[in-house]
C-alpha atoms as a PDB file:
ATOM      1  CA  MET A   1       6.049  -2.612   7.196  1.00  0.00           C
ATOM      2  CA  HIS A   2       7.222  -6.120   8.030  1.00  0.00           C
ATOM      3  CA  CYS A   3       6.055  -7.104  11.478  1.00  0.00           C
ATOM      4  CA  TRP A   4       4.581  -6.091  14.763  1.00  0.00           C
ATOM      5  CA  ILE A   5       6.718  -6.552  17.870  1.00  0.00           C
ATOM      6  CA  CYS A   6       4.936  -8.060  20.892  1.00  0.00           C
ATOM      7  CA  GLY A   7       2.009  -8.857  18.681  1.00  0.00           C
ATOM      8  CA  SER A   8       1.292 -11.364  15.985  1.00  0.00           C
ATOM      9  CA  ASN A   9       2.013 -11.348  12.278  1.00  0.00           C
ATOM     10  CA  THR A  10       1.581 -13.225   9.030  1.00  0.00           C
ATOM     11  CA  ASN A  11       4.443 -14.791   7.120  1.00  0.00           C
ATOM     12  CA  PHE A  12       6.075 -14.824   3.707  1.00  0.00           C
ATOM     13  CA  LYS A  13       6.198 -18.059   1.767  1.00  0.00           C
ATOM     14  CA  PRO A  14       7.668 -20.619   2.399  1.00  0.00           C
ATOM     15  CA  ILE A  15       7.414 -20.115   6.162  1.00  0.00           C
ATOM     16  CA  VAL A  16       4.075 -21.150   7.702  1.00  0.00           C
ATOM     17  CA  PHE A  17       3.596 -21.726  11.408  1.00  0.00           C
ATOM     18  CA  TYR A  18       1.212 -24.365  12.742  1.00  0.00           C
ATOM     19  CA  LYS A  19       0.129 -25.086   9.138  1.00  0.00           C
ATOM     20  CA  ASN A  20      -1.954 -21.888   9.251  1.00  0.00           C
ATOM     21  CA  ILE A  21      -1.102 -18.843   7.120  1.00  0.00           C
ATOM     22  CA  ASN A  22      -3.655 -16.772   9.043  1.00  0.00           C
ATOM     23  CA  VAL A  23      -2.036 -17.027  12.468  1.00  0.00           C
ATOM     24  CA  GLY A  24      -1.932 -13.628  14.126  1.00  0.00           C
ATOM     25  CA  LEU A  25      -4.334 -11.502  12.111  1.00  0.00           C
ATOM     26  CA  GLN A  26      -6.022 -10.022  15.164  1.00  0.00           C
ATOM     27  CA  GLN A  27      -4.059  -7.026  16.430  1.00  0.00           C
ATOM     28  CA  LEU A  28      -4.852  -4.770  19.364  1.00  0.00           C
ATOM     29  CA  TRP A  29      -1.557  -2.839  19.780  1.00  0.00           C
ATOM     30  CA  SER A  30       2.126  -3.302  19.113  1.00  0.00           C
ATOM     31  CA  ASP A  31       5.359  -1.757  17.957  1.00  0.00           C
ATOM     32  CA  VAL A  32       5.979  -1.865  14.230  1.00  0.00           C
ATOM     33  CA  VAL A  33       9.094  -2.712  12.240  1.00  0.00           C
ATOM     34  CA  PHE A  34       9.257  -0.704   9.036  1.00  0.00           C
ATOM     35  CA  VAL A  35      11.529  -2.123   6.356  1.00  0.00           C
ATOM     36  CA  ARG A  36      12.844  -1.069   2.993  1.00  0.00           C
ATOM     37  CA  ASP A  37      10.440  -1.908   0.156  1.00  0.00           C
ATOM     38  CA  PHE A  38      10.811  -5.686  -0.154  1.00  0.00           C
ATOM     39  CA  THR A  39       9.012  -5.665  -3.508  1.00  0.00           C
ATOM     40  CA  ARG A  40      11.953  -3.768  -5.033  1.00  0.00           C
ATOM     41  CA  LEU A  41      14.917  -5.821  -3.858  1.00  0.00           C
ATOM     42  CA  ASP A  42      16.231  -5.870  -7.437  1.00  0.00           C
ATOM     43  CA  VAL A  43      17.457  -2.286  -7.038  1.00  0.00           C
ATOM     44  CA  LEU A  44      19.739  -3.146  -4.101  1.00  0.00           C
ATOM     45  CA  THR A  45      23.424  -3.994  -4.397  1.00  0.00           C
ATOM     46  CA  GLU A  46      24.957  -7.215  -3.113  1.00  0.00           C
ATOM     47  CA  ARG A  47      26.281  -5.405  -0.053  1.00  0.00           C
ATOM     48  CA  GLN A  48      22.892  -3.816   0.672  1.00  0.00           C
ATOM     49  CA  LEU A  49      21.164  -7.206   0.422  1.00  0.00           C
ATOM     50  CA  ILE A  50      23.689  -8.811   2.764  1.00  0.00           C
ATOM     51  CA  THR A  51      23.241  -5.963   5.255  1.00  0.00           C
ATOM     52  CA  TYR A  52      19.451  -6.297   4.985  1.00  0.00           C
ATOM     53  CA  ILE A  53      19.729 -10.058   5.638  1.00  0.00           C
ATOM     54  CA  ILE A  54      21.901  -9.559   8.715  1.00  0.00           C
ATOM     55  CA  ILE A  55      19.619  -6.907  10.199  1.00  0.00           C
ATOM     56  CA  MET A  56      16.384  -8.780   9.542  1.00  0.00           C
ATOM     57  CA  TYR A  57      17.656 -12.065  10.961  1.00  0.00           C
ATOM     58  CA  GLU A  58      19.951 -10.968  13.769  1.00  0.00           C
ATOM     59  CA  LEU A  59      17.855  -8.100  15.133  1.00  0.00           C
ATOM     60  CA  TYR A  60      14.306  -9.204  14.353  1.00  0.00           C
ATOM     61  CA  LYS A  61      14.540 -12.976  13.708  1.00  0.00           C
ATOM     62  CA  ALA A  62      12.412 -12.301  10.615  1.00  0.00           C
ATOM     63  CA  VAL A  63      13.073 -15.701   9.064  1.00  0.00           C
ATOM     64  CA  ASP A  64      10.384 -15.331   6.407  1.00  0.00           C
ATOM     65  CA  LEU A  65      11.597 -11.988   5.071  1.00  0.00           C
ATOM     66  CA  THR A  66      15.204 -13.132   5.359  1.00  0.00           C
ATOM     67  CA  VAL A  67      14.442 -16.082   3.040  1.00  0.00           C
ATOM     68  CA  HIS A  68      12.856 -13.658   0.575  1.00  0.00           C
ATOM     69  CA  ILE A  69      15.961 -11.426   0.600  1.00  0.00           C
ATOM     70  CA  ILE A  70      18.291 -14.436   0.372  1.00  0.00           C
ATOM     71  CA  ASP A  71      16.436 -15.547  -2.763  1.00  0.00           C
ATOM     72  CA  GLU A  72      17.126 -12.145  -4.316  1.00  0.00           C
ATOM     73  CA  LEU A  73      20.785 -12.277  -3.310  1.00  0.00           C
ATOM     74  CA  GLY A  74      21.027 -15.750  -4.863  1.00  0.00           C
ATOM     75  CA  LYS A  75      19.604 -14.416  -8.138  1.00  0.00           C
ATOM     76  CA  LEU A  76      22.078 -11.537  -8.102  1.00  0.00           C
ATOM     77  CA  ILE A  77      25.156 -13.709  -7.568  1.00  0.00           C
ATOM     78  CA  GLY A  78      23.887 -16.642  -9.625  1.00  0.00           C
ATOM     79  CA  LYS A  79      23.915 -19.125  -6.760  1.00  0.00           C
ATOM     80  CA  PRO A  80      20.898 -20.695  -5.011  1.00  0.00           C
ATOM     81  CA  LEU A  81      21.135 -19.924  -1.286  1.00  0.00           C
ATOM     82  CA  ARG A  82      17.704 -20.749   0.125  1.00  0.00           C
ATOM     83  CA  GLU A  83      18.253 -24.432   0.863  1.00  0.00           C
ATOM     84  CA  SER A  84      21.530 -23.761   2.657  1.00  0.00           C
ATOM     85  CA  TYR A  85      19.883 -21.113   4.823  1.00  0.00           C
ATOM     86  CA  ILE A  86      16.859 -23.261   5.644  1.00  0.00           C
ATOM     87  CA  GLY A  87      19.174 -26.191   6.433  1.00  0.00           C
ATOM     88  CA  TRP A  88      21.188 -23.929   8.725  1.00  0.00           C
ATOM     89  CA  LEU A  89      17.999 -22.800  10.477  1.00  0.00           C
ATOM     90  CA  ALA A  90      16.843 -26.400  10.914  1.00  0.00           C
ATOM     91  CA  SER A  91      20.152 -27.304  12.550  1.00  0.00           C
ATOM     92  CA  LYS A  92      19.772 -24.635  15.250  1.00  0.00           C
END
């Protein structure tokens, strides 16, 4: 599970909102977004990682998980991608 829609959530490093990693721990109800096991990204192909990135950012705006997946893609292709992505986000 990655996040709750119309509720609050916690974040993956390096994304922290309001300098508080505990924002949104109280949950009464919400919809849930279930995602592929993000602890096993090493078993995914380059194409699967790219698809995962597109879905998580474009559909859910899951910036924190997207950074995590981008790090894995960078390892796979031998190119650091995180800084470019974060720079792109900052420019929006």
